[in-house]
Amino acid sequence: MAEIFQTDGTWTFDGSTIRIVPGRERGVHLVRQTLGELTVPLAAVAGIAFEPGRKGGRLRLRLRDGADPLSQVTRGRLSDAADPYQLRTEPDRSGVAEYFAEEVRTALLLEQVPEGPADRYLLPGPAVPVSAGAGDGTASFDGERVRLEWNWLTDDGKGSGGPREFPLSDIRAVEWLPGVGLENGYLRFEVQGSPTKARPKYDPNAIELYGFKKDGLMALVGAAVVARLPHPTADRGGRRLHGPSPSRRPRSPPPGTPADDHDTLLRRLPSWVSCITPGSSP
């Protein structure tokens, strides 16, 4: 068991899953607090790194492409503060952070977890119902239908048709982009039978975002929808479009082979590693 407790949150690793609990202090980002606790299976992890610094460090968990609906929607565009797969660490906890990262890396090696894309979501995505208000409207999703409602910032033409509502079965894709600087962002739904190439300001299937703190909450709505759509490696019928699952492990060699002896040695490693404390020699 490896654990690290920080004001920013708590990470716990039991050898098969990483449990991420966000902190509840004032400085913890609203997106992370709203998303809540996450349980990340080791099979979803591509890697982990600890970045030390004079004023504190940062643990970064890197997930496999296609393993997580939220990562699928945000594509690395969440700020460091909002990213639930990062943990800000205090200067005196660098040794613990390094130890935590090494424990995860060792488990990835022993379990032969591939770094390549996953052919299915290994995390469930945000819980439903979920709703967020930002920019020129509010987006809600109850697990079956998406509803977009407008506010006083909405363009008159866009809002003239009233609230928009469409079933999950009509949604083909979801796109989220945060507002940055003078460039506005958006949460856009590609809806069957309602194609549009309009800018988000005029698109009735999009919420325009202005670069404020709650923009990230719209990504949670988008991720909840994406989690219930066919995986990117599948067609609309749910069939995989590519070859065998990259997470499928090769068959074990028959007992008595040299490879079997090697695997036996690797299985014994965790008992040695657990005896090592930061700063000590094996």
C-alpha atoms as a PDB file:
ATOM      1  CA  MET A   1       0.000   0.000   0.000  1.00  0.00           C
ATOM      2  CA  ALA A   2       1.297   3.454  -0.924  1.00  0.00           C
ATOM      3  CA  GLU A   3      -0.389   6.661   0.228  1.00  0.00           C
ATOM      4  CA  ILE A   4       0.217  10.371   0.004  1.00  0.00           C
ATOM      5  CA  PHE A   5      -1.884  12.925   1.889  1.00  0.00           C
ATOM      6  CA  GLN A   6      -1.808  16.561   0.767  1.00  0.00           C
ATOM      7  CA  THR A   7      -3.983  19.640   1.077  1.00  0.00           C
ATOM      8  CA  ASP A   8      -4.701  19.235  -2.637  1.00  0.00           C
ATOM      9  CA  GLY A   9      -6.012  15.714  -2.083  1.00  0.00           C
ATOM     10  CA  THR A  10      -5.158  12.132  -1.184  1.00  0.00           C
ATOM     11  CA  TRP A  11      -3.887   9.371  -3.474  1.00  0.00           C
ATOM     12  CA  THR A  12      -3.856   5.732  -2.377  1.00  0.00           C
ATOM     13  CA  PHE A  13      -2.496   2.767  -4.335  1.00  0.00           C
ATOM     14  CA  ASP A  14      -3.263  -0.815  -3.278  1.00  0.00           C
ATOM     15  CA  GLY A  15      -1.479  -2.588  -6.116  1.00  0.00           C
ATOM     16  CA  SER A  16      -4.450  -2.752  -8.474  1.00  0.00           C
ATOM     17  CA  THR A  17      -6.220   0.614  -8.242  1.00  0.00           C
ATOM     18  CA  ILE A  18      -5.346   4.237  -7.528  1.00  0.00           C
ATOM     19  CA  ARG A  19      -7.931   5.961  -5.349  1.00  0.00           C
ATOM     20  CA  ILE A  20      -8.013   9.729  -5.857  1.00  0.00           C
ATOM     21  CA  VAL A  21      -9.843  11.875  -3.312  1.00  0.00           C
ATOM     22  CA  PRO A  22      -9.789  15.644  -3.926  1.00  0.00           C
ATOM     23  CA  GLY A  23      -9.105  18.011  -1.055  1.00  0.00           C
ATOM     24  CA  ARG A  24     -11.894  20.167   0.316  1.00  0.00           C
ATOM     25  CA  GLU A  25      -9.878  23.258   1.085  1.00  0.00           C
ATOM     26  CA  ARG A  26     -10.655  26.591  -0.528  1.00  0.00           C
ATOM     27  CA  GLY A  27      -7.761  26.396  -2.991  1.00  0.00           C
ATOM     28  CA  VAL A  28      -8.841  23.074  -4.542  1.00  0.00           C
ATOM     29  CA  HIS A  29     -10.331  23.642  -8.003  1.00  0.00           C
ATOM     30  CA  LEU A  30     -14.115  23.500  -8.413  1.00  0.00           C
ATOM     31  CA  VAL A  31     -13.877  20.910 -11.208  1.00  0.00           C
ATOM     32  CA  ARG A  32     -12.019  18.442  -8.999  1.00  0.00           C
ATOM     33  CA  GLN A  33     -14.351  18.975  -6.059  1.00  0.00           C
ATOM     34  CA  THR A  34     -17.424  18.541  -8.265  1.00  0.00           C
ATOM     35  CA  LEU A  35     -16.075  15.398  -9.914  1.00  0.00           C
ATOM     36  CA  GLY A  36     -15.373  13.861  -6.514  1.00  0.00           C
ATOM     37  CA  GLU A  37     -13.582  10.624  -5.720  1.00  0.00           C
ATOM     38  CA  LEU A  38     -12.119   8.544  -8.556  1.00  0.00           C
ATOM     39  CA  THR A  39     -11.006   4.926  -8.640  1.00  0.00           C
ATOM     40  CA  VAL A  40      -8.507   4.381 -11.450  1.00  0.00           C
ATOM     41  CA  PRO A  41      -7.738   0.731 -12.330  1.00  0.00           C
ATOM     42  CA  LEU A  42      -4.100  -0.023 -13.023  1.00  0.00           C
ATOM     43  CA  ALA A  43      -5.114  -1.235 -16.499  1.00  0.00           C
ATOM     44  CA  ALA A  44      -6.084   2.352 -17.388  1.00  0.00           C
ATOM     45  CA  VAL A  45      -2.667   3.799 -16.506  1.00  0.00           C
ATOM     46  CA  ALA A  46       0.002   4.481 -19.127  1.00  0.00           C
ATOM     47  CA  GLY A  47       2.546   6.021 -16.739  1.00  0.00           C
ATOM     48  CA  ILE A  48       3.200   8.253 -13.754  1.00  0.00           C
ATOM     49  CA  ALA A  49       5.792  10.925 -13.034  1.00  0.00           C
ATOM     50  CA  PHE A  50       6.826  13.113 -10.131  1.00  0.00           C
ATOM     51  CA  GLU A  51       8.080  16.595 -10.956  1.00  0.00           C
ATOM     52  CA  PRO A  52       9.974  18.127  -7.997  1.00  0.00           C
ATOM     53  CA  GLY A  53      10.227  21.863  -7.466  1.00  0.00           C
ATOM     54  CA  ARG A  54      11.567  24.353  -4.930  1.00  0.00           C
ATOM     55  CA  LYS A  55       8.080  25.358  -3.768  1.00  0.00           C
ATOM     56  CA  GLY A  56       6.640  21.887  -4.048  1.00  0.00           C
ATOM     57  CA  GLY A  57       6.230  19.223  -6.680  1.00  0.00           C
ATOM     58  CA  ARG A  58       3.533  17.597  -8.742  1.00  0.00           C
ATOM     59  CA  LEU A  59       2.491  14.000  -9.310  1.00  0.00           C
ATOM     60  CA  ARG A  60       1.138  13.431 -12.827  1.00  0.00           C
ATOM     61  CA  LEU A  61      -0.813  10.335 -13.746  1.00  0.00           C
ATOM     62  CA  ARG A  62      -0.940   9.591 -17.477  1.00  0.00           C
ATOM     63  CA  LEU A  63      -3.873   7.468 -18.636  1.00  0.00           C
ATOM     64  CA  ARG A  64      -4.040   5.303 -21.723  1.00  0.00           C
ATOM     65  CA  ASP A  65      -5.755   6.892 -24.687  1.00  0.00           C
ATOM     66  CA  GLY A  66      -9.401   5.842 -24.798  1.00  0.00           C
ATOM     67  CA  ALA A  67      -9.490   4.602 -21.191  1.00  0.00           C
ATOM     68  CA  ASP A  68     -11.222   7.613 -19.623  1.00  0.00           C
ATOM     69  CA  PRO A  69     -14.243   9.576 -20.958  1.00  0.00           C
ATOM     70  CA  LEU A  70     -13.130  12.805 -19.258  1.00  0.00           C
ATOM     71  CA  SER A  71      -9.664  12.643 -20.809  1.00  0.00           C
ATOM     72  CA  GLN A  72     -11.286  11.808 -24.140  1.00  0.00           C
ATOM     73  CA  VAL A  73     -13.266  15.069 -24.011  1.00  0.00           C
ATOM     74  CA  THR A  74     -10.643  17.394 -22.528  1.00  0.00           C
ATOM     75  CA  ARG A  75      -7.616  16.068 -24.472  1.00  0.00           C
ATOM     76  CA  GLY A  76      -5.104  17.656 -22.122  1.00  0.00           C
ATOM     77  CA  ARG A  77      -6.784  21.074 -22.180  1.00  0.00           C
ATOM     78  CA  LEU A  78      -7.742  21.182 -18.497  1.00  0.00           C
ATOM     79  CA  SER A  79      -5.542  23.462 -16.411  1.00  0.00           C
ATOM     80  CA  ASP A  80      -3.136  21.842 -13.961  1.00  0.00           C
ATOM     81  CA  ALA A  81      -5.291  23.003 -11.063  1.00  0.00           C
ATOM     82  CA  ALA A  82      -8.467  21.468 -12.545  1.00  0.00           C
ATOM     83  CA  ASP A  83      -6.906  18.199 -13.736  1.00  0.00           C
ATOM     84  CA  PRO A  84      -7.970  15.385 -11.356  1.00  0.00           C
ATOM     85  CA  TYR A  85      -4.991  13.266 -12.448  1.00  0.00           C
ATOM     86  CA  GLN A  86      -2.473  15.675 -10.976  1.00  0.00           C
ATOM     87  CA  LEU A  87      -1.598  16.190  -7.321  1.00  0.00           C
ATOM     88  CA  ARG A  88       0.258  19.227  -6.016  1.00  0.00           C
ATOM     89  CA  THR A  89       2.750  18.129  -3.334  1.00  0.00           C
ATOM     90  CA  GLU A  90       4.404  20.051  -0.530  1.00  0.00           C
ATOM     91  CA  PRO A  91       8.222  20.427  -0.474  1.00  0.00           C
ATOM     92  CA  ASP A  92       8.717  18.065   2.466  1.00  0.00           C
ATOM     93  CA  ARG A  93       6.715  15.262   0.810  1.00  0.00           C
ATOM     94  CA  SER A  94       8.900  14.750  -2.254  1.00  0.00           C
ATOM     95  CA  GLY A  95      10.271  11.462  -0.914  1.00  0.00           C
ATOM     96  CA  VAL A  96       6.777  10.064  -0.399  1.00  0.00           C
ATOM     97  CA  ALA A  97       5.718  11.253  -3.861  1.00  0.00           C
ATOM     98  CA  GLU A  98       8.734   9.564  -5.474  1.00  0.00           C
ATOM     99  CA  TYR A  99       7.979   6.361  -3.580  1.00  0.00           C
ATOM    100  CA  PHE A 100       4.330   6.452  -4.681  1.00  0.00           C
ATOM    101  CA  ALA A 101       5.302   6.893  -8.331  1.00  0.00           C
ATOM    102  CA  GLU A 102       7.832   4.065  -8.124  1.00  0.00           C
ATOM    103  CA  GLU A 103       5.245   1.709  -6.621  1.00  0.00           C
ATOM    104  CA  VAL A 104       2.872   2.386  -9.521  1.00  0.00           C
ATOM    105  CA  ARG A 105       5.639   1.984 -12.110  1.00  0.00           C
ATOM    106  CA  THR A 106       6.685  -1.335 -10.581  1.00  0.00           C
ATOM    107  CA  ALA A 107       3.108  -2.613 -10.682  1.00  0.00           C
ATOM    108  CA  LEU A 108       2.734  -1.550 -14.327  1.00  0.00           C
ATOM    109  CA  LEU A 109       5.854  -3.539 -15.172  1.00  0.00           C
ATOM    110  CA  LEU A 110       4.826  -6.640 -13.251  1.00  0.00           C
ATOM    111  CA  GLU A 111       1.291  -6.641 -14.637  1.00  0.00           C
ATOM    112  CA  GLN A 112       2.566  -5.919 -18.168  1.00  0.00           C
ATOM    113  CA  VAL A 113       0.042  -3.121 -18.666  1.00  0.00           C
ATOM    114  CA  PRO A 114       0.453  -1.766 -22.221  1.00  0.00           C
ATOM    115  CA  GLU A 115       0.865   1.966 -22.821  1.00  0.00           C
ATOM    116  CA  GLY A 116      -1.141   1.800 -26.040  1.00  0.00           C
ATOM    117  CA  PRO A 117      -4.800   2.778 -26.526  1.00  0.00           C
ATOM    118  CA  ALA A 118      -7.622   0.969 -24.726  1.00  0.00           C
ATOM    119  CA  ASP A 119     -10.479  -0.454 -26.776  1.00  0.00           C
ATOM    120  CA  ARG A 120     -13.097   0.364 -24.118  1.00  0.00           C
ATOM    121  CA  TYR A 121     -13.595   2.854 -21.333  1.00  0.00           C
ATOM    122  CA  LEU A 122     -12.029   1.612 -18.108  1.00  0.00           C
ATOM    123  CA  LEU A 123     -13.446   4.476 -16.021  1.00  0.00           C
ATOM    124  CA  PRO A 124     -17.197   5.216 -15.832  1.00  0.00           C
ATOM    125  CA  GLY A 125     -17.114   8.977 -16.355  1.00  0.00           C
ATOM    126  CA  PRO A 126     -18.974  11.546 -14.217  1.00  0.00           C
ATOM    127  CA  ALA A 127     -22.123  10.384 -12.452  1.00  0.00           C
ATOM    128  CA  VAL A 128     -25.547  11.412 -13.736  1.00  0.00           C
ATOM    129  CA  PRO A 129     -27.646  13.450 -13.496  1.00  0.00           C
ATOM    130  CA  VAL A 130     -25.114  16.207 -14.102  1.00  0.00           C
ATOM    131  CA  SER A 131     -25.644  19.875 -14.889  1.00  0.00           C
ATOM    132  CA  ALA A 132     -23.437  22.933 -15.340  1.00  0.00           C
ATOM    133  CA  GLY A 133     -24.089  26.582 -16.074  1.00  0.00           C
ATOM    134  CA  ALA A 134     -21.398  28.666 -17.753  1.00  0.00           C
ATOM    135  CA  GLY A 135     -21.041  31.045 -20.668  1.00  0.00           C
ATOM    136  CA  ASP A 136     -24.331  31.621 -22.481  1.00  0.00           C
ATOM    137  CA  GLY A 137     -26.288  28.678 -21.105  1.00  0.00           C
ATOM    138  CA  THR A 138     -26.777  25.602 -18.956  1.00  0.00           C
ATOM    139  CA  ALA A 139     -26.208  22.023 -20.095  1.00  0.00           C
ATOM    140  CA  SER A 140     -27.853  19.085 -18.318  1.00  0.00           C
ATOM    141  CA  PHE A 141     -27.723  15.345 -18.871  1.00  0.00           C
ATOM    142  CA  ASP A 142     -29.817  12.728 -17.049  1.00  0.00           C
ATOM    143  CA  GLY A 143     -28.277   9.658 -18.687  1.00  0.00           C
ATOM    144  CA  GLU A 144     -30.787   9.594 -21.542  1.00  0.00           C
ATOM    145  CA  ARG A 145     -31.325  13.159 -22.763  1.00  0.00           C
ATOM    146  CA  VAL A 146     -29.262  16.344 -23.074  1.00  0.00           C
ATOM    147  CA  ARG A 147     -30.953  19.671 -22.419  1.00  0.00           C
ATOM    148  CA  LEU A 148     -29.526  23.098 -23.271  1.00  0.00           C
ATOM    149  CA  GLU A 149     -31.084  26.199 -21.714  1.00  0.00           C
ATOM    150  CA  TRP A 150     -30.144  29.796 -22.503  1.00  0.00           C
ATOM    151  CA  ASN A 151     -29.497  32.872 -20.391  1.00  0.00           C
ATOM    152  CA  TRP A 152     -29.337  36.646 -20.917  1.00  0.00           C
ATOM    153  CA  LEU A 153     -25.952  36.349 -22.668  1.00  0.00           C
ATOM    154  CA  THR A 154     -27.345  34.160 -25.450  1.00  0.00           C
ATOM    155  CA  ASP A 155     -27.554  35.567 -28.961  1.00  0.00           C
ATOM    156  CA  ASP A 156     -31.178  36.448 -29.776  1.00  0.00           C
ATOM    157  CA  GLY A 157     -31.286  34.271 -32.875  1.00  0.00           C
ATOM    158  CA  LYS A 158     -29.793  31.303 -31.070  1.00  0.00           C
ATOM    159  CA  GLY A 159     -32.134  31.567 -28.114  1.00  0.00           C
ATOM    160  CA  SER A 160     -35.282  32.325 -30.105  1.00  0.00           C
ATOM    161  CA  GLY A 161     -36.120  28.649 -30.493  1.00  0.00           C
ATOM    162  CA  GLY A 162     -36.162  28.125 -26.738  1.00  0.00           C
ATOM    163  CA  PRO A 163     -34.373  25.325 -24.850  1.00  0.00           C
ATOM    164  CA  ARG A 164     -32.884  22.494 -26.883  1.00  0.00           C
ATOM    165  CA  GLU A 165     -33.341  18.849 -25.951  1.00  0.00           C
ATOM    166  CA  PHE A 166     -32.204  15.706 -27.732  1.00  0.00           C
ATOM    167  CA  PRO A 167     -31.873  12.003 -26.858  1.00  0.00           C
ATOM    168  CA  LEU A 168     -28.560  10.280 -26.399  1.00  0.00           C
ATOM    169  CA  SER A 169     -29.256   8.115 -29.470  1.00  0.00           C
ATOM    170  CA  ASP A 170     -29.146  11.234 -31.684  1.00  0.00           C
ATOM    171  CA  ILE A 171     -25.750  12.421 -30.447  1.00  0.00           C
ATOM    172  CA  ARG A 172     -22.831  11.528 -32.679  1.00  0.00           C
ATOM    173  CA  ALA A 173     -19.978  13.361 -30.952  1.00  0.00           C
ATOM    174  CA  VAL A 174     -19.140  15.839 -28.184  1.00  0.00           C
ATOM    175  CA  GLU A 175     -16.494  18.555 -28.346  1.00  0.00           C
ATOM    176  CA  TRP A 176     -15.268  20.756 -25.502  1.00  0.00           C
ATOM    177  CA  LEU A 177     -12.816  23.616 -25.738  1.00  0.00           C
ATOM    178  CA  PRO A 178     -12.090  26.037 -22.879  1.00  0.00           C
ATOM    179  CA  GLY A 179     -12.036  29.766 -23.421  1.00  0.00           C
ATOM    180  CA  VAL A 180      -8.481  31.128 -23.419  1.00  0.00           C
ATOM    181  CA  GLY A 181      -7.558  34.793 -23.585  1.00  0.00           C
ATOM    182  CA  LEU A 182      -9.607  36.510 -26.272  1.00  0.00           C
ATOM    183  CA  GLU A 183     -10.712  33.191 -27.773  1.00  0.00           C
ATOM    184  CA  ASN A 184     -14.015  31.854 -26.485  1.00  0.00           C
ATOM    185  CA  GLY A 185     -14.507  28.143 -25.929  1.00  0.00           C
ATOM    186  CA  TYR A 186     -17.545  25.907 -26.233  1.00  0.00           C
ATOM    187  CA  LEU A 187     -19.307  22.648 -25.457  1.00  0.00           C
ATOM    188  CA  ARG A 188     -20.774  21.397 -28.721  1.00  0.00           C
ATOM    189  CA  PHE A 189     -22.964  18.377 -29.483  1.00  0.00           C
ATOM    190  CA  GLU A 190     -22.974  16.903 -32.962  1.00  0.00           C
ATOM    191  CA  VAL A 191     -26.609  15.876 -33.382  1.00  0.00           C
ATOM    192  CA  GLN A 192     -27.988  13.583 -36.074  1.00  0.00           C
ATOM    193  CA  GLY A 193     -30.343  15.439 -38.435  1.00  0.00           C
ATOM    194  CA  SER A 194     -29.232  18.817 -37.103  1.00  0.00           C
ATOM    195  CA  PRO A 195     -25.827  19.539 -38.651  1.00  0.00           C
ATOM    196  CA  THR A 196     -24.417  23.011 -38.219  1.00  0.00           C
ATOM    197  CA  LYS A 197     -21.169  24.763 -38.999  1.00  0.00           C
ATOM    198  CA  ALA A 198     -22.143  27.936 -37.177  1.00  0.00           C
ATOM    199  CA  ARG A 199     -19.837  29.519 -34.621  1.00  0.00           C
ATOM    200  CA  PRO A 200     -20.706  28.477 -31.031  1.00  0.00           C
ATOM    201  CA  LYS A 201     -22.213  31.951 -30.441  1.00  0.00           C
ATOM    202  CA  TYR A 202     -24.917  31.127 -33.015  1.00  0.00           C
ATOM    203  CA  ASP A 203     -25.004  27.309 -32.816  1.00  0.00           C
ATOM    204  CA  PRO A 204     -28.160  26.022 -31.015  1.00  0.00           C
ATOM    205  CA  ASN A 205     -26.318  22.762 -30.267  1.00  0.00           C
ATOM    206  CA  ALA A 206     -23.481  24.510 -28.439  1.00  0.00           C
ATOM    207  CA  ILE A 207     -22.820  26.448 -25.239  1.00  0.00           C
ATOM    208  CA  GLU A 208     -20.341  29.283 -25.770  1.00  0.00           C
ATOM    209  CA  LEU A 209     -17.745  29.643 -22.992  1.00  0.00           C
ATOM    210  CA  TYR A 210     -15.917  32.811 -22.004  1.00  0.00           C
ATOM    211  CA  GLY A 211     -12.860  31.557 -20.154  1.00  0.00           C
ATOM    212  CA  PHE A 212     -14.156  31.628 -16.587  1.00  0.00           C
ATOM    213  CA  LYS A 213     -13.702  29.168 -13.733  1.00  0.00           C
ATOM    214  CA  LYS A 214     -16.855  27.147 -14.441  1.00  0.00           C
ATOM    215  CA  ASP A 215     -15.890  26.340 -18.046  1.00  0.00           C
ATOM    216  CA  GLY A 216     -14.372  23.079 -16.827  1.00  0.00           C
ATOM    217  CA  LEU A 217     -17.704  21.986 -15.363  1.00  0.00           C
ATOM    218  CA  MET A 218     -19.049  21.841 -18.915  1.00  0.00           C
ATOM    219  CA  ALA A 219     -16.382  19.222 -19.635  1.00  0.00           C
ATOM    220  CA  LEU A 220     -17.944  17.037 -16.932  1.00  0.00           C
ATOM    221  CA  VAL A 221     -21.296  17.166 -18.728  1.00  0.00           C
ATOM    222  CA  GLY A 222     -19.599  16.324 -22.007  1.00  0.00           C
ATOM    223  CA  ALA A 223     -17.680  13.434 -20.422  1.00  0.00           C
ATOM    224  CA  ALA A 224     -20.861  11.960 -18.906  1.00  0.00           C
ATOM    225  CA  VAL A 225     -22.386  11.899 -22.393  1.00  0.00           C
ATOM    226  CA  VAL A 226     -19.252  10.491 -24.065  1.00  0.00           C
ATOM    227  CA  ALA A 227     -19.104   7.681 -21.485  1.00  0.00           C
ATOM    228  CA  ARG A 228     -22.470   6.460 -22.774  1.00  0.00           C
ATOM    229  CA  LEU A 229     -21.678   6.751 -26.474  1.00  0.00           C
ATOM    230  CA  PRO A 230     -19.927   3.982 -28.444  1.00  0.00           C
ATOM    231  CA  HIS A 231     -16.206   3.914 -27.763  1.00  0.00           C
ATOM    232  CA  PRO A 232     -14.048   5.659 -30.414  1.00  0.00           C
ATOM    233  CA  THR A 233     -12.773   2.253 -31.553  1.00  0.00           C
ATOM    234  CA  ALA A 234     -16.339   0.998 -32.197  1.00  0.00           C
ATOM    235  CA  ASP A 235     -18.978   1.757 -34.797  1.00  0.00           C
ATOM    236  CA  ARG A 236     -22.457   2.931 -33.809  1.00  0.00           C
ATOM    237  CA  GLY A 237     -23.468  -0.682 -33.257  1.00  0.00           C
ATOM    238  CA  GLY A 238     -20.805  -1.052 -30.573  1.00  0.00           C
ATOM    239  CA  ARG A 239     -18.552  -3.331 -32.647  1.00  0.00           C
ATOM    240  CA  ARG A 240     -14.782  -2.806 -32.444  1.00  0.00           C
ATOM    241  CA  LEU A 241     -13.356  -1.313 -35.615  1.00  0.00           C
ATOM    242  CA  HIS A 242      -9.762  -2.360 -34.996  1.00  0.00           C
ATOM    243  CA  GLY A 243      -7.854  -5.485 -34.095  1.00  0.00           C
ATOM    244  CA  PRO A 244      -7.595  -7.376 -30.802  1.00  0.00           C
ATOM    245  CA  SER A 245      -7.775  -5.489 -27.544  1.00  0.00           C
ATOM    246  CA  PRO A 246      -4.419  -3.859 -26.721  1.00  0.00           C
ATOM    247  CA  SER A 247      -5.036  -4.723 -23.078  1.00  0.00           C
ATOM    248  CA  ARG A 248      -5.153  -8.461 -23.779  1.00  0.00           C
ATOM    249  CA  ARG A 249      -2.178 -10.137 -22.134  1.00  0.00           C
ATOM    250  CA  PRO A 250      -0.253 -12.884 -23.932  1.00  0.00           C
ATOM    251  CA  ARG A 251      -0.778 -16.461 -22.868  1.00  0.00           C
ATOM    252  CA  SER A 252       1.517 -17.658 -20.121  1.00  0.00           C
ATOM    253  CA  PRO A 253       4.164 -20.164 -21.221  1.00  0.00           C
ATOM    254  CA  PRO A 254       3.790 -23.736 -19.963  1.00  0.00           C
ATOM    255  CA  PRO A 255       5.250 -24.488 -16.520  1.00  0.00           C
ATOM    256  CA  GLY A 256       8.905 -25.394 -16.433  1.00  0.00           C
ATOM    257  CA  THR A 257      10.026 -23.060 -19.193  1.00  0.00           C
ATOM    258  CA  PRO A 258      12.663 -20.367 -18.586  1.00  0.00           C
ATOM    259  CA  ALA A 259       9.968 -17.715 -18.983  1.00  0.00           C
ATOM    260  CA  ASP A 260       8.023 -19.343 -16.149  1.00  0.00           C
ATOM    261  CA  ASP A 261      11.006 -18.960 -13.827  1.00  0.00           C
ATOM    262  CA  HIS A 262      11.304 -15.312 -14.851  1.00  0.00           C
ATOM    263  CA  ASP A 263       7.614 -14.672 -14.113  1.00  0.00           C
ATOM    264  CA  THR A 264       7.945 -16.365 -10.738  1.00  0.00           C
ATOM    265  CA  LEU A 265      10.799 -14.012  -9.881  1.00  0.00           C
ATOM    266  CA  LEU A 266       8.765 -10.981 -10.928  1.00  0.00           C
ATOM    267  CA  ARG A 267       5.802 -12.058  -8.790  1.00  0.00           C
ATOM    268  CA  ARG A 268       8.062 -12.078  -5.764  1.00  0.00           C
ATOM    269  CA  LEU A 269       9.259  -8.506  -6.328  1.00  0.00           C
ATOM    270  CA  PRO A 270       6.387  -6.735  -4.520  1.00  0.00           C
ATOM    271  CA  SER A 271       7.358  -8.325  -1.196  1.00  0.00           C
ATOM    272  CA  TRP A 272      10.884  -6.907  -1.601  1.00  0.00           C
ATOM    273  CA  VAL A 273       9.733  -3.510  -2.792  1.00  0.00           C
ATOM    274  CA  SER A 274       7.306  -3.083   0.137  1.00  0.00           C
ATOM    275  CA  CYS A 275      10.214  -3.378   2.511  1.00  0.00           C
ATOM    276  CA  ILE A 276      12.014  -0.441   0.930  1.00  0.00           C
ATOM    277  CA  THR A 277      11.383   2.972   2.453  1.00  0.00           C
ATOM    278  CA  PRO A 278      12.317   6.256   0.760  1.00  0.00           C
ATOM    279  CA  GLY A 279      16.023   6.918   1.123  1.00  0.00           C
ATOM    280  CA  SER A 280      16.943   3.338   2.071  1.00  0.00           C
ATOM    281  CA  SER A 281      18.847   0.809   0.008  1.00  0.00           C
ATOM    282  CA  PRO A 282      17.228  -2.453  -1.159  1.00  0.00           C
END
